[in-house]
């Protein structure tokens, strides 16, 4: 598509957008003047679907009327509520329903799955991660090393430049796997970098890792609901994600978890065990010995929080209607238009850190300013733009295809221009 830098063209793109009506399904925050903000922080917290209220109200009604009997007799019995989420989650991450579950939180799931899949030996004891990984990933990985009596100096490989210096050359990642594969027990990286927005070739990383005997897992916090994933077909060992960013399920939403089906029958896998991972048929016999469920559900610790799960179910119903392919198609156009407008009007004032290749990014662009970066960010906020700041000089903006528009992209660039004058 050949873009034009006019308001009329942006409006034309919105008129032609088959997903344009989706915006009306969300609450858009207003600025101090009562006007809708340009909300480009769906990569931090997705907007609230208007239908969420009705999903919560049903569970509140059943709780009020049934009390504990709601576990079996609610309109959507709470005992099996997590099963209502499997189809939608499987569709978003490209998995079988038996491979996905809504459970716990991202970091809790990360620890649980590292307990299973990071089993260091004298010869193979290293973890490969991104140098600029999200802090929670860094804390989890480093603490797992310490739990095994290992040190960062001997057992942690971190690769990648500083965010202000650009993104990771994928060839550097592949070369590292080739050179250190025999020592690496686990490759664990972000599917999409939270800082730079870079989308990695997860299929190739998995293939390379497995060729060298490594387990491969991904943090998909910034990938799930943002890019098209095929976790089952790519043969990924495990993955975790949160559901409150692109999947719009509310602050602190219940997390998501994937474990490939090839592990579903391996009952002797080491894992942290909890009541809800015990055999569903025998759970209420209150047996002292753990009998794991089939598939990813064996890693459940407790029953799903119903109110949070209801919010997720509401959002998944919208993804079911739209589909990831349609969202991805619009996303590439929307972010492509943002890149075009920034290059056309602001190329001397900023640097786009995120890769230019649309196949190597999701909807987010990370923008670096050489001068006055924090001041520009502060003024963007007071100008009615919702974006976010990352040290030392990165402003992250994410036009989300489910509810953002091309006109908003146009208006955002006009605001940037005014602030730089």
Protein backbone atom coordinates (compact mmCIF):
# COMPACT_ATOMS: atom_id res chain seq x y z
CA UNK A 1 0.00 0.00 0.00
CA UNK A 2 1.26 3.47 -0.88
CA UNK A 3 0.58 5.82 2.03
CA UNK A 4 -0.17 9.54 1.90
CA UNK A 5 0.45 12.00 4.73
CA UNK A 6 -2.92 13.73 4.74
CA UNK A 7 -5.83 13.67 7.14
CA UNK A 8 -8.15 12.80 4.27
CA UNK A 9 -6.10 9.72 3.48
CA UNK A 10 -6.14 8.58 7.12
CA UNK A 11 -9.91 8.97 7.21
CA UNK A 12 -10.18 7.03 3.97
CA UNK A 13 -8.20 4.15 5.48
CA UNK A 14 -10.56 4.12 8.46
CA UNK A 15 -13.61 4.06 6.19
CA UNK A 16 -12.15 1.06 4.36
CA UNK A 17 -11.17 -0.75 7.56
CA UNK A 18 -13.37 -3.86 8.05
CA UNK A 19 -12.61 -3.74 11.80
CA UNK A 20 -13.47 -0.06 12.30
CA UNK A 21 -16.69 -0.83 14.21
CA UNK A 22 -14.72 -2.78 16.85
CA UNK A 23 -13.60 0.50 18.43
CA UNK A 24 -17.17 1.11 19.58
CA UNK A 25 -17.00 -2.10 21.64
CA UNK A 26 -14.47 -0.58 24.05
CA UNK A 27 -14.43 2.18 26.65
CA UNK A 28 -11.93 4.83 25.51
CA UNK A 29 -10.48 6.96 28.36
CA UNK A 30 -10.99 10.71 28.09
CA UNK A 31 -8.47 13.47 28.59
CA UNK A 32 -8.96 16.38 31.00
CA UNK A 33 -11.16 18.13 28.45
CA UNK A 34 -13.52 15.20 28.11
CA UNK A 35 -12.17 14.14 24.70
CA UNK A 36 -11.07 10.57 23.91
CA UNK A 37 -7.37 10.05 24.44
CA UNK A 38 -5.12 8.69 21.74
CA UNK A 39 -4.65 5.43 23.63
CA UNK A 40 -1.43 3.81 22.44
CA UNK A 41 -0.69 1.78 25.60
CA UNK A 42 -2.53 -1.43 24.84
CA UNK A 43 0.91 -3.02 25.11
CA UNK A 44 0.72 -2.20 28.83
CA UNK A 45 -2.98 -2.54 29.63
CA UNK A 46 -5.64 -3.23 27.05
CA UNK A 47 -8.89 -1.29 27.08
CA UNK A 48 -12.05 -2.56 28.73
CA UNK A 49 -14.54 -4.35 26.47
CA UNK A 50 -18.05 -3.02 27.05
CA UNK A 51 -19.43 -6.55 27.22
CA UNK A 52 -17.22 -7.36 30.21
CA UNK A 53 -19.83 -6.06 32.64
CA UNK A 54 -22.43 -8.61 31.59
CA UNK A 55 -19.98 -11.51 31.99
CA UNK A 56 -19.09 -10.39 35.51
CA UNK A 57 -22.71 -9.69 36.45
CA UNK A 58 -23.68 -13.27 35.60
CA UNK A 59 -21.09 -14.65 38.02
CA UNK A 60 -22.01 -12.14 40.72
CA UNK A 61 -25.66 -13.09 40.31
CA UNK A 62 -24.87 -16.80 40.60
CA UNK A 63 -22.68 -16.19 43.63
CA UNK A 64 -25.46 -14.18 45.30
CA UNK A 65 -28.16 -16.75 44.56
CA UNK A 66 -26.25 -20.00 44.85
CA UNK A 67 -23.32 -19.47 47.17
CA UNK A 68 -21.04 -22.50 47.11
CA UNK A 69 -23.51 -24.41 44.94
CA UNK A 70 -22.34 -22.21 42.08
CA UNK A 71 -19.39 -24.52 41.67
CA UNK A 72 -21.74 -27.08 40.13
CA UNK A 73 -24.95 -25.20 39.40
CA UNK A 74 -23.98 -21.74 38.15
CA UNK A 75 -24.98 -20.95 34.59
CA UNK A 76 -21.31 -21.62 33.81
CA UNK A 77 -20.29 -23.97 36.64
CA UNK A 78 -17.18 -22.64 38.35
CA UNK A 79 -15.68 -26.08 38.82
CA UNK A 80 -15.06 -26.32 35.08
CA UNK A 81 -14.92 -22.62 34.19
CA UNK A 82 -11.31 -22.71 32.99
CA UNK A 83 -12.37 -25.11 30.23
CA UNK A 84 -14.52 -22.37 28.69
CA UNK A 85 -11.32 -20.41 27.99
CA UNK A 86 -9.33 -23.10 26.23
CA UNK A 87 -10.71 -22.76 22.72
CA UNK A 88 -10.15 -19.01 22.58
CA UNK A 89 -6.65 -19.17 24.02
CA UNK A 90 -5.70 -22.04 21.72
CA UNK A 91 -6.80 -20.00 18.72
CA UNK A 92 -4.74 -16.99 19.75
CA UNK A 93 -1.47 -18.87 20.33
CA UNK A 94 -1.87 -21.64 17.73
CA UNK A 95 -2.28 -24.63 20.02
CA UNK A 96 -4.51 -27.57 20.84
CA UNK A 97 -7.01 -26.97 23.63
CA UNK A 98 -5.25 -29.58 25.76
CA UNK A 99 -2.04 -27.51 25.55
CA UNK A 100 -3.35 -24.24 26.99
CA UNK A 101 -4.87 -23.10 30.23
CA UNK A 102 -5.72 -19.88 32.06
CA UNK A 103 -3.97 -20.16 35.39
CA UNK A 104 -2.05 -18.22 38.01
CA UNK A 105 0.05 -15.30 36.69
CA UNK A 106 2.82 -14.99 34.13
CA UNK A 107 5.73 -15.04 36.57
CA UNK A 108 4.20 -17.80 38.69
CA UNK A 109 3.75 -19.91 35.56
CA UNK A 110 7.29 -19.07 34.49
CA UNK A 111 8.66 -20.42 37.76
CA UNK A 112 6.46 -23.51 37.59
CA UNK A 113 7.55 -24.39 34.07
CA UNK A 114 11.23 -23.67 34.71
CA UNK A 115 10.98 -26.11 37.61
CA UNK A 116 10.02 -28.72 35.03
CA UNK A 117 12.05 -27.74 31.98
CA UNK A 118 15.22 -26.31 33.48
CA UNK A 119 17.00 -29.42 34.77
CA UNK A 120 20.69 -28.52 34.74
CA UNK A 121 23.48 -31.07 34.61
CA UNK A 122 27.23 -30.73 34.93
CA UNK A 123 27.59 -30.53 31.14
CA UNK A 124 24.35 -28.66 30.31
CA UNK A 125 23.51 -25.97 32.86
CA UNK A 126 23.14 -22.63 31.06
CA UNK A 127 20.11 -20.46 30.30
CA UNK A 128 20.09 -18.22 27.22
CA UNK A 129 18.07 -15.01 27.56
CA UNK A 130 17.90 -11.46 26.19
CA UNK A 131 20.06 -8.87 27.90
CA UNK A 132 17.15 -6.42 27.94
CA UNK A 133 14.47 -8.92 28.99
CA UNK A 134 11.58 -7.66 31.09
CA UNK A 135 12.77 -7.37 34.72
CA UNK A 136 10.37 -10.04 35.98
CA UNK A 137 11.93 -12.53 33.56
CA UNK A 138 15.39 -11.56 34.75
CA UNK A 139 14.43 -11.99 38.41
CA UNK A 140 12.77 -15.35 37.76
CA UNK A 141 15.63 -16.76 35.68
CA UNK A 142 18.39 -15.58 38.02
CA UNK A 143 16.58 -16.87 41.08
CA UNK A 144 16.12 -20.26 39.41
CA UNK A 145 19.86 -20.41 38.84
CA UNK A 146 20.49 -19.68 42.50
CA UNK A 147 18.00 -22.35 43.56
CA UNK A 148 20.12 -24.85 41.64
CA UNK A 149 23.32 -23.58 43.23
CA UNK A 150 24.46 -21.94 39.99
CA UNK A 151 25.85 -18.48 39.37
CA UNK A 152 25.07 -15.91 36.70
CA UNK A 153 28.73 -15.75 35.77
CA UNK A 154 28.92 -19.46 34.92
CA UNK A 155 25.38 -20.32 33.81
CA UNK A 156 23.69 -17.28 32.27
CA UNK A 157 24.14 -16.18 28.65
CA UNK A 158 22.66 -12.76 27.89
CA UNK A 159 22.71 -11.36 24.37
CA UNK A 160 21.59 -8.19 22.68
CA UNK A 161 22.52 -4.51 22.57
CA UNK A 162 21.18 -1.68 24.68
CA UNK A 163 17.77 -0.57 23.45
CA UNK A 164 19.07 2.86 22.39
CA UNK A 165 21.65 1.10 20.22
CA UNK A 166 19.09 -0.86 18.21
CA UNK A 167 17.72 -4.37 18.16
CA UNK A 168 19.27 -7.82 18.30
CA UNK A 169 20.61 -9.20 15.03
CA UNK A 170 18.82 -12.57 14.79
CA UNK A 171 22.00 -14.07 13.36
CA UNK A 172 23.77 -13.29 16.63
CA UNK A 173 21.10 -15.27 18.46
CA UNK A 174 21.39 -18.22 16.08
CA UNK A 175 25.19 -18.14 16.27
CA UNK A 176 25.06 -18.18 20.07
CA UNK A 177 22.83 -21.25 20.03
CA UNK A 178 25.19 -22.97 17.58
CA UNK A 179 28.29 -22.15 19.65
CA UNK A 180 26.92 -22.87 23.12
CA UNK A 181 24.13 -25.35 22.40
CA UNK A 182 25.79 -28.27 24.17
CA UNK A 183 25.99 -26.21 27.38
CA UNK A 184 22.51 -24.65 27.18
CA UNK A 185 19.78 -26.38 29.15
CA UNK A 186 17.11 -23.79 28.41
CA UNK A 187 16.50 -21.06 25.85
CA UNK A 188 14.01 -18.62 27.36
CA UNK A 189 13.36 -15.35 25.57
CA UNK A 190 10.54 -12.92 24.93
CA UNK A 191 8.60 -13.67 21.76
CA UNK A 192 8.30 -9.92 21.22
CA UNK A 193 10.71 -7.71 23.12
CA UNK A 194 8.80 -5.47 25.53
CA UNK A 195 11.43 -2.75 25.07
CA UNK A 196 12.15 -2.68 21.35
CA UNK A 197 9.06 -4.38 19.92
CA UNK A 198 11.22 -6.85 17.99
CA UNK A 199 9.41 -10.08 17.03
CA UNK A 200 11.71 -13.07 16.86
CA UNK A 201 11.49 -16.11 14.59
CA UNK A 202 10.20 -18.49 17.24
CA UNK A 203 9.99 -21.42 14.85
CA UNK A 204 13.65 -21.16 13.87
CA UNK A 205 14.80 -20.60 17.45
CA UNK A 206 12.90 -23.72 18.54
CA UNK A 207 14.30 -25.81 15.70
CA UNK A 208 17.87 -24.70 16.43
CA UNK A 209 17.47 -25.23 20.13
CA UNK A 210 16.11 -28.73 19.71
CA UNK A 211 18.89 -29.62 17.27
CA UNK A 212 21.34 -28.95 20.10
CA UNK A 213 19.31 -30.69 22.79
CA UNK A 214 18.02 -27.50 24.48
CA UNK A 215 14.55 -26.98 25.91
CA UNK A 216 12.87 -23.89 24.45
CA UNK A 217 10.33 -21.65 26.15
CA UNK A 218 8.95 -18.17 25.46
CA UNK A 219 7.51 -15.26 27.39
CA UNK A 220 4.66 -14.15 25.12
CA UNK A 221 3.43 -11.22 27.22
CA UNK A 222 3.90 -8.87 24.24
CA UNK A 223 3.18 -11.46 21.56
CA UNK A 224 -0.12 -13.14 22.53
CA UNK A 225 -2.97 -11.28 20.85
CA UNK A 226 -0.46 -9.16 18.92
CA UNK A 227 1.18 -11.46 16.36
CA UNK A 228 0.19 -14.75 14.76
CA UNK A 229 1.58 -17.70 16.73
CA UNK A 230 1.70 -21.42 15.95
CA UNK A 231 3.12 -22.87 19.15
CA UNK A 232 2.03 -26.45 18.52
CA UNK A 233 3.29 -26.66 14.94
CA UNK A 234 6.54 -24.89 15.89
CA UNK A 235 7.09 -27.62 18.49
CA UNK A 236 7.71 -25.12 21.30
CA UNK A 237 8.23 -26.83 24.66
CA UNK A 238 6.39 -24.26 26.79
CA UNK A 239 5.23 -20.66 26.86
CA UNK A 240 3.63 -18.23 29.29
CA UNK A 241 1.84 -14.92 28.84
CA UNK A 242 -0.36 -12.40 30.58
CA UNK A 243 -3.87 -11.64 29.34
CA UNK A 244 -4.16 -7.98 30.34
CA UNK A 245 -2.23 -6.41 27.46
CA UNK A 246 -3.40 -7.16 23.93
CA UNK A 247 -6.00 -9.66 25.19
CA UNK A 248 -7.82 -6.92 27.17
CA UNK A 249 -8.79 -8.91 30.26
CA UNK A 250 -8.25 -6.32 32.97
CA UNK A 251 -5.45 -5.32 35.35
CA UNK A 252 -3.76 -8.30 36.97
CA UNK A 253 -5.74 -10.74 34.82
CA UNK A 254 -5.27 -14.48 35.19
CA UNK A 255 -2.25 -15.67 33.20
CA UNK A 256 -1.93 -18.01 30.25
CA UNK A 257 0.18 -21.13 29.90
CA UNK A 258 1.17 -23.55 27.09
CA UNK A 259 2.86 -26.94 27.35
CA UNK A 260 3.24 -29.01 24.19
CA UNK A 261 1.12 -32.16 23.98
CA UNK A 262 4.16 -34.41 23.67
CA UNK A 263 4.55 -34.00 27.44
CA UNK A 264 0.91 -34.79 28.24
CA UNK A 265 1.51 -38.43 29.16
CA UNK A 266 4.76 -37.91 31.07
CA UNK A 267 3.42 -38.23 34.59
CA UNK A 268 6.88 -38.44 36.12
CA UNK A 269 7.93 -34.95 35.02
CA UNK A 270 9.27 -32.90 37.94
CA UNK A 271 6.79 -30.18 38.79
CA UNK A 272 5.43 -28.10 41.65
CA UNK A 273 2.11 -29.71 42.50
CA UNK A 274 -1.21 -28.33 43.64
CA UNK A 275 -4.75 -29.57 44.22
CA UNK A 276 -6.17 -28.34 40.92
CA UNK A 277 -3.51 -30.19 38.93
CA UNK A 278 -4.60 -33.47 40.52
CA UNK A 279 -6.78 -35.89 38.55
CA UNK A 280 -10.16 -34.23 38.06
CA UNK A 281 -11.99 -37.54 38.48
CA UNK A 282 -10.33 -38.18 41.85
CA UNK A 283 -9.80 -34.63 43.13
CA UNK A 284 -12.51 -34.70 45.78
CA UNK A 285 -11.37 -38.02 47.21
CA UNK A 286 -8.74 -35.89 49.01
CA UNK A 287 -5.97 -38.39 48.34
CA UNK A 288 -2.48 -37.72 49.75
CA UNK A 289 -0.61 -38.74 46.59
CA UNK A 290 -0.65 -36.54 43.49
CA UNK A 291 -2.08 -37.94 40.26
CA UNK A 292 -1.41 -35.38 37.49
CA UNK A 293 -4.06 -34.42 34.99
CA UNK A 294 -3.35 -34.84 31.32
CA UNK A 295 -1.73 -31.96 29.46
CA UNK A 296 -1.02 -28.46 30.72
CA UNK A 297 -3.72 -28.71 33.40
CA UNK A 298 -1.30 -30.75 35.52
CA UNK A 299 0.53 -27.48 36.24
CA UNK A 300 -2.57 -25.85 37.76
CA UNK A 301 -2.17 -25.08 41.44
CA UNK A 302 -5.59 -23.73 42.38
CA UNK A 303 -9.01 -23.20 40.87
CA UNK A 304 -9.21 -20.29 38.45
CA UNK A 305 -10.35 -16.91 39.91
CA UNK A 306 -13.83 -16.73 38.43
CA UNK A 307 -14.25 -12.94 38.15
CA UNK A 308 -10.89 -12.60 36.37
CA UNK A 309 -11.73 -15.58 34.18
CA UNK A 310 -15.07 -13.99 33.27
CA UNK A 311 -13.26 -10.89 32.01
CA UNK A 312 -10.97 -13.08 29.94
CA UNK A 313 -13.92 -15.01 28.56
CA UNK A 314 -15.58 -11.76 27.51
CA UNK A 315 -12.49 -10.65 25.62
CA UNK A 316 -11.90 -14.03 24.02
CA UNK A 317 -15.40 -13.92 22.57
CA UNK A 318 -14.33 -10.82 20.64
CA UNK A 319 -11.15 -12.46 19.38
CA UNK A 320 -13.25 -15.43 18.25
CA UNK A 321 -15.38 -13.08 16.16
CA UNK A 322 -12.46 -11.23 14.55
CA UNK A 323 -9.62 -13.78 14.33
CA UNK A 324 -5.88 -13.23 14.62
CA UNK A 325 -5.27 -13.13 10.87
CA UNK A 326 -7.60 -10.15 10.40
CA UNK A 327 -6.11 -8.37 13.41
CA UNK A 328 -2.59 -8.97 12.16
CA UNK A 329 -3.45 -7.68 8.68
CA UNK A 330 -4.77 -4.42 10.08
CA UNK A 331 -1.92 -4.19 12.58
CA UNK A 332 0.71 -4.29 9.85
CA UNK A 333 -1.09 -1.54 7.95
CA UNK A 334 -1.68 0.60 11.06
CA UNK A 335 1.89 0.38 12.35
CA UNK A 336 3.21 0.72 8.81
CA UNK A 337 1.28 3.97 8.48
CA UNK A 338 2.69 5.19 11.80
CA UNK A 339 6.22 4.41 10.60
CA UNK A 340 5.56 6.20 7.30
CA UNK A 341 4.21 9.30 9.03
CA UNK A 342 7.14 9.47 11.47
CA UNK A 343 9.65 9.05 8.64
CA UNK A 344 7.84 11.60 6.50
CA UNK A 345 7.52 14.31 9.14
CA UNK A 346 9.91 13.55 12.00
CA UNK A 347 12.93 11.69 10.57
CA UNK A 348 15.41 14.30 11.81
CA UNK A 349 13.95 14.36 15.29
CA UNK A 350 13.80 10.72 16.35
CA UNK A 351 14.96 7.18 15.69
CA UNK A 352 12.62 4.22 15.38
CA UNK A 353 14.35 1.41 17.28
CA UNK A 354 11.87 -1.29 16.25
CA UNK A 355 12.76 -3.27 13.07
CA UNK A 356 11.47 -1.85 9.80
CA UNK A 357 10.53 -5.30 8.51
CA UNK A 358 6.83 -5.78 9.44
CA UNK A 359 7.48 -9.50 9.91
CA UNK A 360 9.95 -8.71 12.69
CA UNK A 361 7.61 -6.61 14.83
CA UNK A 362 4.11 -6.48 16.23
CA UNK A 363 2.08 -3.29 16.52
CA UNK A 364 4.49 -1.47 18.84
CA UNK A 365 7.09 1.05 17.73
CA UNK A 366 9.78 2.07 20.21
CA UNK A 367 10.98 5.59 19.49
CA UNK A 368 14.28 7.01 20.74
CA UNK A 369 14.85 10.76 21.06
CA UNK A 370 18.40 12.09 21.31
CA UNK A 371 17.38 15.24 23.16
CA UNK A 372 14.53 16.22 25.47
CA UNK A 373 13.07 12.71 25.35
CA UNK A 374 11.52 12.82 28.82
CA UNK A 375 10.18 16.32 28.23
CA UNK A 376 8.57 15.20 24.97
CA UNK A 377 7.00 12.24 26.73
CA UNK A 378 5.59 14.44 29.52
CA UNK A 379 4.12 16.83 26.97
CA UNK A 380 2.61 13.98 24.97
CA UNK A 381 0.78 12.89 28.10
CA UNK A 382 -0.58 16.40 28.75
CA UNK A 383 -1.59 16.59 25.08
CA UNK A 384 -3.99 13.68 25.45
CA UNK A 385 -1.72 10.88 24.23
CA UNK A 386 -1.41 7.70 26.29
CA UNK A 387 2.02 6.18 25.63
CA UNK A 388 4.77 5.01 27.96
CA UNK A 389 8.36 5.75 28.90
CA UNK A 390 11.34 3.45 29.29
CA UNK A 391 14.79 4.54 30.35
CA UNK A 392 16.99 5.98 29.06
CA UNK A 393 15.19 7.62 26.12
CA UNK A 394 12.51 5.28 24.75
CA UNK A 395 8.85 6.18 24.16
CA UNK A 396 6.76 3.13 23.32
CA UNK A 397 3.62 3.56 21.23
CA UNK A 398 1.32 0.72 20.22
CA UNK A 399 -1.61 1.34 17.86
CA UNK A 400 -3.74 -1.72 18.60
CA UNK A 401 -5.80 -2.98 15.65
CA UNK A 402 -8.79 -3.98 17.76
CA UNK A 403 -9.60 -0.37 18.73
CA UNK A 404 -7.12 2.19 17.35
CA UNK A 405 -7.59 4.11 14.10
CA UNK A 406 -5.52 5.53 11.28
CA UNK A 407 -6.75 9.01 12.09
CA UNK A 408 -5.33 8.63 15.60
CA UNK A 409 -1.96 7.80 14.05
CA UNK A 410 -2.17 10.95 11.93
CA UNK A 411 -3.10 13.09 14.93
CA UNK A 412 -0.30 11.60 17.04
CA UNK A 413 2.34 12.62 14.49
CA UNK A 414 0.91 16.14 14.30
CA UNK A 415 1.27 16.40 18.08
CA UNK A 416 4.88 15.18 17.91
CA UNK A 417 5.61 17.86 15.32
CA UNK A 418 4.10 20.61 17.45
CA UNK A 419 6.11 19.53 20.48
CA UNK A 420 9.40 19.63 18.59
CA UNK A 421 8.95 23.17 17.26
